[in-house]
Amino acid sequence: MLSYPMSTGRNFDEVLRVVDSLQLTARRQVATPVNWRPGNDVIILPSVSEDEARQRFPGGWKAPKPYLRIVPQPE
């Protein structure tokens, strides 16, 4: 749910970005970072085990922190 005060304008591009992010998270078990746009890198959810991540993302990932696994957005 998005909630805006009546005095605030709506940004339809932001609503579409949110929908894209939610669909991507549901389908691919990734999270989208702040200011994410479709096509940008995403983060593998912490709930995805290392073994499952290797299966889902065979190309590997960047891990600047053990809990932060960054991959290109899956198609």
C-alpha atoms as a PDB file:
ATOM      1  CA  MET A   1       0.000   0.000   0.000  1.00  0.00           C
ATOM      2  CA  LEU A   2       1.274   3.441  -0.869  1.00  0.00           C
ATOM      3  CA  SER A   3      -0.115   6.334   1.090  1.00  0.00           C
ATOM      4  CA  TYR A   4       0.354   9.973   0.119  1.00  0.00           C
ATOM      5  CA  PRO A   5      -1.061  13.063   1.804  1.00  0.00           C
ATOM      6  CA  MET A   6      -3.779  14.718  -0.295  1.00  0.00           C
ATOM      7  CA  SER A   7      -1.512  17.750  -0.756  1.00  0.00           C
ATOM      8  CA  THR A   8       1.266  15.673  -2.356  1.00  0.00           C
ATOM      9  CA  GLY A   9       1.327  14.982  -6.070  1.00  0.00           C
ATOM     10  CA  ARG A  10       1.507  11.417  -7.342  1.00  0.00           C
ATOM     11  CA  ASN A  11       4.399  10.140  -9.395  1.00  0.00           C
ATOM     12  CA  PHE A  12       3.151   7.366 -11.663  1.00  0.00           C
ATOM     13  CA  ASP A  13       6.711   6.349 -12.608  1.00  0.00           C
ATOM     14  CA  GLU A  14       7.388   5.620  -8.927  1.00  0.00           C
ATOM     15  CA  VAL A  15       4.232   3.502  -8.672  1.00  0.00           C
ATOM     16  CA  LEU A  16       5.358   1.449 -11.697  1.00  0.00           C
ATOM     17  CA  ARG A  17       8.850   1.072 -10.199  1.00  0.00           C
ATOM     18  CA  VAL A  18       7.322  -0.273  -6.979  1.00  0.00           C
ATOM     19  CA  VAL A  19       5.162  -2.772  -8.886  1.00  0.00           C
ATOM     20  CA  ASP A  20       8.181  -3.936 -10.920  1.00  0.00           C
ATOM     21  CA  SER A  21      10.188  -4.382  -7.712  1.00  0.00           C
ATOM     22  CA  LEU A  22       7.443  -6.354  -5.973  1.00  0.00           C
ATOM     23  CA  GLN A  23       7.005  -8.671  -8.961  1.00  0.00           C
ATOM     24  CA  LEU A  24      10.754  -9.232  -9.267  1.00  0.00           C
ATOM     25  CA  THR A  25      11.038 -10.041  -5.558  1.00  0.00           C
ATOM     26  CA  ALA A  26       8.146 -12.510  -5.731  1.00  0.00           C
ATOM     27  CA  ARG A  27       9.490 -14.293  -8.839  1.00  0.00           C
ATOM     28  CA  ARG A  28      13.245 -14.290  -8.280  1.00  0.00           C
ATOM     29  CA  GLN A  29      13.815 -13.985  -4.512  1.00  0.00           C
ATOM     30  CA  VAL A  30      15.823 -10.788  -4.783  1.00  0.00           C
ATOM     31  CA  ALA A  31      15.469  -7.384  -3.161  1.00  0.00           C
ATOM     32  CA  THR A  32      15.815  -4.060  -4.905  1.00  0.00           C
ATOM     33  CA  PRO A  33      18.038  -1.409  -3.327  1.00  0.00           C
ATOM     34  CA  VAL A  34      17.156   2.249  -2.862  1.00  0.00           C
ATOM     35  CA  ASN A  35      16.755   4.138  -6.158  1.00  0.00           C
ATOM     36  CA  TRP A  36      16.649   0.847  -8.082  1.00  0.00           C
ATOM     37  CA  ARG A  37      15.476   1.004 -11.675  1.00  0.00           C
ATOM     38  CA  PRO A  38      14.626  -2.004 -13.880  1.00  0.00           C
ATOM     39  CA  GLY A  39      17.863  -3.460 -15.224  1.00  0.00           C
ATOM     40  CA  ASN A  40      20.018  -2.380 -12.264  1.00  0.00           C
ATOM     41  CA  ASP A  41      21.746  -4.817  -9.918  1.00  0.00           C
ATOM     42  CA  VAL A  42      19.679  -6.459  -7.181  1.00  0.00           C
ATOM     43  CA  ILE A  43      20.383  -8.173  -3.850  1.00  0.00           C
ATOM     44  CA  ILE A  44      19.859 -11.868  -3.170  1.00  0.00           C
ATOM     45  CA  LEU A  45      17.465 -12.228  -0.233  1.00  0.00           C
ATOM     46  CA  PRO A  46      19.151 -13.277   3.022  1.00  0.00           C
ATOM     47  CA  SER A  47      16.636 -16.136   3.292  1.00  0.00           C
ATOM     48  CA  VAL A  48      18.180 -17.766   0.187  1.00  0.00           C
ATOM     49  CA  SER A  49      20.844 -20.261   1.270  1.00  0.00           C
ATOM     50  CA  GLU A  50      24.310 -20.316  -0.310  1.00  0.00           C
ATOM     51  CA  ASP A  51      23.514 -23.619  -2.068  1.00  0.00           C
ATOM     52  CA  GLU A  52      20.226 -22.309  -3.463  1.00  0.00           C
ATOM     53  CA  ALA A  53      21.913 -19.053  -4.517  1.00  0.00           C
ATOM     54  CA  ARG A  54      24.536 -21.021  -6.471  1.00  0.00           C
ATOM     55  CA  GLN A  55      21.733 -22.823  -8.318  1.00  0.00           C
ATOM     56  CA  ARG A  56      19.708 -19.681  -8.993  1.00  0.00           C
ATOM     57  CA  PHE A  57      22.678 -17.466  -9.871  1.00  0.00           C
ATOM     58  CA  PRO A  58      25.343 -19.690 -11.466  1.00  0.00           C
ATOM     59  CA  GLY A  59      27.277 -16.640 -12.663  1.00  0.00           C
ATOM     60  CA  GLY A  60      28.107 -15.797  -9.061  1.00  0.00           C
ATOM     61  CA  TRP A  61      27.709 -12.520  -7.215  1.00  0.00           C
ATOM     62  CA  LYS A  62      29.623  -9.706  -5.566  1.00  0.00           C
ATOM     63  CA  ALA A  63      29.604  -9.843  -1.780  1.00  0.00           C
ATOM     64  CA  PRO A  64      31.024  -6.681  -0.184  1.00  0.00           C
ATOM     65  CA  LYS A  65      29.655  -8.073   3.111  1.00  0.00           C
ATOM     66  CA  PRO A  66      28.808 -11.738   3.824  1.00  0.00           C
ATOM     67  CA  TYR A  67      25.113 -10.871   4.099  1.00  0.00           C
ATOM     68  CA  LEU A  68      25.066  -8.596   1.014  1.00  0.00           C
ATOM     69  CA  ARG A  69      25.098 -10.611  -2.246  1.00  0.00           C
ATOM     70  CA  ILE A  70      24.727  -8.388  -5.308  1.00  0.00           C
ATOM     71  CA  VAL A  71      23.851  -9.814  -8.726  1.00  0.00           C
ATOM     72  CA  PRO A  72      22.748  -8.430 -12.077  1.00  0.00           C
ATOM     73  CA  GLN A  73      18.967  -8.353 -12.325  1.00  0.00           C
ATOM     74  CA  PRO A  74      17.707 -11.758 -13.516  1.00  0.00           C
ATOM     75  CA  GLU A  75      15.458 -11.745 -16.562  1.00  0.00           C
END
